[in-house]
Protein backbone atom coordinates (compact mmCIF):
# COMPACT_ATOMS: atom_id res chain seq x y z
CA MET A 1 -30.89 179.37 166.88
CA VAL A 2 -34.42 179.89 165.68
CA LEU A 3 -35.77 178.25 162.54
CA SER A 4 -37.79 180.81 160.67
CA PHE A 5 -39.25 178.82 157.72
CA TYR A 6 -40.09 175.17 157.20
CA ARG A 7 -41.58 173.31 154.29
CA TYR A 8 -41.60 169.59 153.30
CA HIS A 9 -43.63 168.74 150.31
CA GLU A 10 -43.28 168.27 146.51
CA GLY A 11 -42.21 171.54 145.00
CA ALA A 12 -41.08 173.02 148.30
CA LEU A 13 -37.67 173.98 146.92
CA ALA A 14 -39.27 176.57 144.69
CA HIS A 15 -39.72 178.79 147.79
CA ILE A 16 -35.98 179.21 148.32
CA PRO A 17 -35.51 182.13 145.89
CA GLU A 18 -38.22 184.27 147.50
CA LEU A 19 -36.68 183.73 150.94
CA LEU A 20 -33.16 184.70 149.66
CA GLN A 21 -34.73 187.81 148.14
CA GLU A 22 -36.57 188.63 151.40
CA TYR A 23 -33.29 188.33 153.33
CA GLN A 24 -31.53 190.39 150.69
CA ALA A 25 -28.89 187.74 150.06
CA LYS A 26 -26.30 188.77 147.49
CA ARG A 27 -23.49 186.25 147.82
CA LEU A 28 -24.28 182.52 148.34
CA LEU A 29 -22.09 179.75 149.44
CA ILE A 30 -23.59 176.35 148.66
CA VAL A 31 -21.91 173.60 150.78
CA HIS A 32 -22.61 170.08 149.45
CA GLY A 33 -21.47 166.49 149.42
CA SER A 34 -20.82 164.34 146.30
CA ILE A 35 -23.48 161.79 145.60
CA SER A 36 -26.18 163.76 147.39
CA TRP A 37 -25.28 166.81 145.32
CA GLN A 38 -25.60 164.94 142.08
CA LYS A 39 -29.14 163.99 142.97
CA ALA A 40 -30.12 167.36 144.42
CA GLN A 41 -28.66 169.71 141.84
CA PRO A 42 -31.28 169.00 139.12
CA LYS A 43 -34.04 169.93 141.58
CA LEU A 44 -32.39 173.24 142.60
CA THR A 45 -33.11 174.97 139.36
CA PHE A 46 -33.20 178.34 140.92
CA ILE A 47 -29.45 178.35 141.08
CA ASN A 48 -29.12 178.70 137.35
CA GLU A 49 -31.15 181.94 137.43
CA ALA A 50 -30.16 183.30 140.70
CA PRO A 51 -29.55 186.99 140.83
CA GLN A 52 -27.02 186.36 143.58
CA ASP A 53 -23.28 185.52 143.13
CA VAL A 54 -23.06 181.73 143.82
CA PHE A 55 -19.96 179.91 145.13
CA TYR A 56 -19.56 176.22 145.80
CA HIS A 57 -17.74 174.19 148.49
CA GLN A 58 -17.60 170.37 148.64
CA TYR A 59 -17.18 169.35 152.33
CA THR A 60 -14.67 166.78 153.48
CA GLY A 61 -17.27 164.15 154.34
CA GLU A 62 -16.81 164.74 158.06
CA CYS A 63 -18.23 167.24 160.48
CA SER A 64 -15.02 168.51 162.00
CA TYR A 65 -13.37 171.66 163.23
CA TYR A 66 -11.08 171.47 160.17
CA GLY A 67 -14.06 171.32 157.87
CA ALA A 68 -15.79 174.18 159.69
CA ASN A 69 -12.72 176.40 159.23
CA LEU A 70 -12.56 175.52 155.58
CA ILE A 71 -16.07 176.98 155.18
CA LYS A 72 -15.11 179.94 157.40
CA ASP A 73 -12.24 180.66 155.05
CA GLN A 74 -14.66 180.57 152.02
CA VAL A 75 -17.09 182.91 153.77
CA GLU A 76 -14.39 185.43 154.49
CA ALA A 77 -12.65 185.20 151.11
CA HIS A 78 -15.79 185.63 149.07
CA HIS A 79 -17.65 187.96 151.45
CA ILE A 80 -20.54 185.45 151.74
CA ASP A 81 -23.76 186.74 153.27
CA PHE A 82 -25.77 183.44 153.09
CA ILE A 83 -24.86 179.72 153.27
CA ILE A 84 -27.02 176.87 151.91
CA GLY A 85 -26.20 173.26 153.01
CA VAL A 86 -27.31 170.53 150.76
CA GLY A 87 -26.76 166.98 152.04
CA GLY A 88 -27.08 164.70 155.04
CA GLY A 89 -26.85 165.01 158.80
CA LYS A 90 -23.04 165.56 159.13
CA LEU A 91 -23.14 168.29 156.43
CA THR A 92 -26.12 170.15 158.02
CA ASP A 93 -24.35 170.05 161.44
CA LEU A 94 -21.11 171.34 159.76
CA VAL A 95 -22.95 174.20 158.07
CA GLY A 96 -24.75 175.14 161.31
CA TYR A 97 -21.47 175.27 163.19
CA ALA A 98 -19.64 177.20 160.40
CA ALA A 99 -22.56 179.65 160.36
CA HIS A 100 -22.26 179.92 164.16
CA LEU A 101 -18.53 180.72 163.83
CA THR A 102 -18.98 183.41 161.16
CA ASN A 103 -22.39 184.72 162.40
CA THR A 104 -23.80 184.05 158.86
CA PRO A 105 -27.42 183.25 158.11
CA PHE A 106 -28.07 179.87 156.53
CA GLY A 107 -30.57 177.39 155.24
CA VAL A 108 -30.50 173.73 154.86
CA VAL A 109 -31.88 171.22 152.19
CA PRO A 110 -31.73 167.68 153.71
CA THR A 111 -31.25 164.91 151.19
CA LEU A 112 -32.02 162.02 153.50
CA ALA A 113 -33.91 161.18 156.66
CA SER A 114 -31.37 159.66 158.94
CA ASN A 115 -31.43 161.97 161.98
CA CYS A 116 -32.70 165.20 163.29
CA ALA A 117 -29.58 167.24 162.52
CA PRO A 118 -31.40 169.68 160.23
CA TRP A 119 -33.64 170.78 163.00
CA THR A 120 -31.44 170.82 166.19
CA PRO A 121 -29.20 173.70 167.41
CA LEU A 122 -26.36 171.27 168.07
CA ALA A 123 -23.40 170.10 165.92
CA VAL A 124 -21.81 166.67 166.57
CA MET A 125 -18.16 167.46 165.85
CA TYR A 126 -15.92 164.57 165.01
CA LYS A 127 -12.11 164.60 165.14
CA ARG A 128 -10.64 164.82 161.73
CA LYS A 129 -8.51 161.63 161.89
CA THR A 130 -10.48 159.66 164.44
CA ALA A 131 -14.07 159.95 163.24
CA ASN A 132 -15.37 157.87 166.24
CA LEU A 133 -14.39 160.56 168.74
CA LYS A 134 -16.87 163.37 168.98
CA GLU A 135 -18.29 166.13 171.09
CA CYS A 136 -21.37 168.45 170.84
CA GLN A 137 -21.18 172.14 170.06
CA SER A 138 -23.96 174.71 170.17
CA THR A 139 -24.90 176.47 166.94
CA SER A 140 -27.04 178.92 168.76
CA CYS A 141 -25.40 181.92 167.20
CA GLY A 142 -26.30 180.71 163.69
CA LYS A 143 -29.33 182.26 162.07
CA GLN A 144 -31.16 179.35 160.42
CA LEU A 145 -33.56 180.97 158.01
CA PHE A 146 -35.01 177.76 156.47
CA LEU A 147 -35.27 173.99 156.43
CA ILE A 148 -36.76 173.08 153.15
CA THR A 149 -36.71 169.84 151.19
CA ASP A 150 -38.75 167.66 148.88
CA PRO A 151 -39.93 164.05 149.54
CA THR A 152 -38.95 163.20 145.94
CA LEU A 153 -35.38 164.05 146.86
CA VAL A 154 -35.35 162.46 150.23
CA ILE A 155 -36.74 159.10 148.96
CA ASP A 156 -33.83 158.86 146.56
CA ALA A 157 -31.37 157.80 149.25
CA PRO A 158 -30.13 154.44 150.66
CA VAL A 159 -32.93 152.73 152.51
CA SER A 160 -30.45 151.80 155.32
CA TYR A 161 -30.04 155.47 156.22
CA PHE A 162 -33.77 155.79 156.65
CA ILE A 163 -33.98 152.63 158.83
CA ALA A 164 -31.15 154.12 160.86
CA GLY A 165 -33.06 157.34 161.31
CA LEU A 166 -36.19 155.38 162.52
CA ALA A 167 -34.03 153.45 165.04
CA ASP A 168 -32.35 156.70 166.27
CA THR A 169 -35.76 158.26 166.70
CA LEU A 170 -37.13 155.32 168.62
CA ALA A 171 -34.17 155.37 170.94
CA LYS A 172 -35.16 158.99 171.84
CA TRP A 173 -38.45 157.69 173.19
CA TYR A 174 -36.88 154.99 175.34
CA GLU A 175 -34.23 157.37 176.65
CA SER A 176 -36.68 160.13 177.38
CA GLU A 177 -39.19 157.74 179.04
CA THR A 178 -36.51 156.56 181.47
CA ILE A 179 -35.31 160.10 182.43
CA LEU A 180 -38.64 161.72 182.58
CA ALA A 181 -40.09 159.05 184.85
CA GLN A 182 -38.22 160.69 187.81
CA PRO A 183 -40.85 162.19 190.11
CA GLN A 184 -39.32 165.69 190.27
CA LEU A 185 -39.52 166.00 186.47
CA GLN A 186 -43.08 164.80 185.84
CA HIS A 187 -44.84 168.21 186.29
CA GLU A 188 -42.47 170.38 184.19
CA PRO A 189 -44.51 171.62 181.22
CA PHE A 190 -41.72 171.57 178.63
CA LEU A 191 -40.50 168.17 179.72
CA GLN A 192 -44.05 166.87 179.54
CA LEU A 193 -44.21 168.18 175.92
CA ALA A 194 -40.92 166.51 175.19
CA GLY A 195 -42.32 163.20 176.45
CA TYR A 196 -45.55 163.56 174.45
CA THR A 197 -43.54 164.31 171.30
CA ALA A 198 -41.28 161.36 171.76
CA LYS A 199 -44.27 159.09 172.34
CA LEU A 200 -45.91 160.45 169.13
CA CYS A 201 -42.75 159.63 167.24
CA GLU A 202 -42.65 156.04 168.75
CA LYS A 203 -46.32 155.24 167.98
CA ALA A 204 -46.05 156.42 164.37
CA ILE A 205 -42.83 154.47 163.71
CA VAL A 206 -44.12 151.32 165.34
CA SER A 207 -47.39 151.44 163.28
CA GLN A 208 -46.11 152.71 159.92
CA SER A 209 -42.49 151.88 159.50
CA LYS A 210 -43.02 148.60 157.62
CA GLN A 211 -45.09 150.33 154.97
CA ALA A 212 -42.91 153.41 154.81
CA ILE A 213 -39.75 151.28 154.26
CA GLN A 214 -41.45 149.23 151.52
CA ASP A 215 -42.65 152.39 149.88
CA MET A 216 -39.04 153.76 149.90
CA GLU A 217 -37.76 150.55 148.42
CA GLU A 218 -40.27 150.88 145.63
CA GLN A 219 -39.59 154.66 145.34
CA LYS A 220 -43.20 155.49 146.06
CA VAL A 221 -43.80 158.85 147.72
CA THR A 222 -46.66 157.90 150.06
CA GLU A 223 -48.30 159.37 153.01
CA GLU A 224 -46.53 156.95 155.27
CA PHE A 225 -43.14 157.68 153.89
CA ILE A 226 -43.65 161.48 154.11
CA HIS A 227 -45.01 161.16 157.65
CA LEU A 228 -42.12 159.08 158.99
CA SER A 229 -39.33 160.85 157.14
CA GLU A 230 -40.70 164.20 158.50
CA ILE A 231 -40.80 162.68 161.97
CA VAL A 232 -37.10 161.64 161.73
CA PHE A 233 -35.57 164.92 160.55
CA ALA A 234 -38.03 167.42 161.98
CA VAL A 235 -40.38 166.25 164.71
CA ALA A 236 -37.67 164.25 166.55
CA GLY A 237 -35.66 167.45 166.86
CA LEU A 238 -38.46 168.86 169.03
CA VAL A 239 -37.83 166.15 171.57
CA GLY A 240 -34.35 167.38 172.42
CA GLY A 241 -35.40 170.98 171.95
CA LEU A 242 -38.26 170.83 174.47
CA GLY A 243 -36.54 168.39 176.87
CA ASP A 244 -32.88 169.40 176.50
CA LYS A 245 -30.57 167.08 178.44
CA TYR A 246 -33.53 165.35 180.13
CA ALA A 247 -34.79 163.95 176.76
CA ARG A 248 -31.59 162.68 175.15
CA ASN A 249 -28.85 161.79 177.60
CA ALA A 250 -29.52 158.31 178.80
CA ALA A 251 -27.52 155.06 178.16
CA ALA A 252 -28.33 154.39 174.51
CA HIS A 253 -26.37 157.24 172.94
CA ALA A 254 -23.58 157.14 175.46
CA MET A 255 -23.00 153.35 175.13
CA HIS A 256 -23.16 153.60 171.43
CA ASP A 257 -20.35 156.26 171.46
CA ALA A 258 -18.31 154.21 173.88
CA ILE A 259 -18.54 151.10 171.89
CA SER A 260 -17.72 152.89 168.70
CA LYS A 261 -14.62 154.48 170.27
CA TYR A 262 -13.04 151.20 171.38
CA LEU A 263 -14.44 148.96 168.55
CA PRO A 264 -14.36 151.23 165.47
CA ALA A 265 -15.56 148.38 163.20
CA SER A 266 -18.92 148.34 165.02
CA HIS A 267 -19.67 151.85 163.69
CA GLN A 268 -21.57 150.48 160.76
CA PHE A 269 -24.01 148.88 163.18
CA CYS A 270 -24.40 152.11 165.20
CA MET A 271 -28.08 152.49 165.03
CA VAL A 272 -28.71 148.83 165.79
CA LYS A 273 -26.45 149.15 168.89
CA LYS A 274 -28.28 152.32 170.03
CA LEU A 275 -31.71 150.83 169.63
CA LEU A 276 -30.86 147.54 171.32
CA THR A 277 -29.33 149.45 174.20
CA ALA A 278 -32.42 151.55 174.50
CA PHE A 279 -34.53 148.51 174.84
CA PHE A 280 -32.09 147.03 177.34
CA ILE A 281 -32.24 150.00 179.75
CA ASN A 282 -36.03 149.61 179.80
């Protein structure tokens, strides 16, 4: 999967119509959540004047094979030639996987900065009835045309999700540092880039997170908030993209998944577990 167009700034959503026109999209399927859609819809003014036929699908709230097949059914029933996902990480994963299944081009409009799902060519698939059980699927056949969003949209989300995203991104640094310390990996150019990118994320979060979180609590779109939210959903995705399994498959994520499987009630503390584990292995 190759991302063709990226923008993150105030007014960025206005670029979506020209991209749809460039790609000659005629029939759109907008996949969305509930609360996030209520906040995003007023900013997606192009929909009201879109020359394309527009269809809507509210996802189940989980990134599952069942949910992906529901989108697949919509694509086939309405002859959809472009999918737009509007929402959080599970929704963007779901849209990417559904686009992969149907070989349909798509774009995403993230509504919060809680993980790097909008950037990465992987979808974390949860079982429909046991949300703590999951596996990763490639979305490499999906044609992601754009990742576009606006900080005035992203800032209007629960602060706890942003904090979780910062913790998840920090965990990437501690995991990749441990793996890439192996002598046989230290001179591989792409793995070196993955390590540098992870360190860039870590340094920015450590130095700016206090201010960025305060700014989000006060609903102030500042340089610190824009910088760190962009790191969470975009730059952090480069770590896994450049380093593949060598930059994301250490103890923190694995232990988090195992604990969540056998102690489902701990899921609400998932990012705390992940970050503490990352510190522990170092």
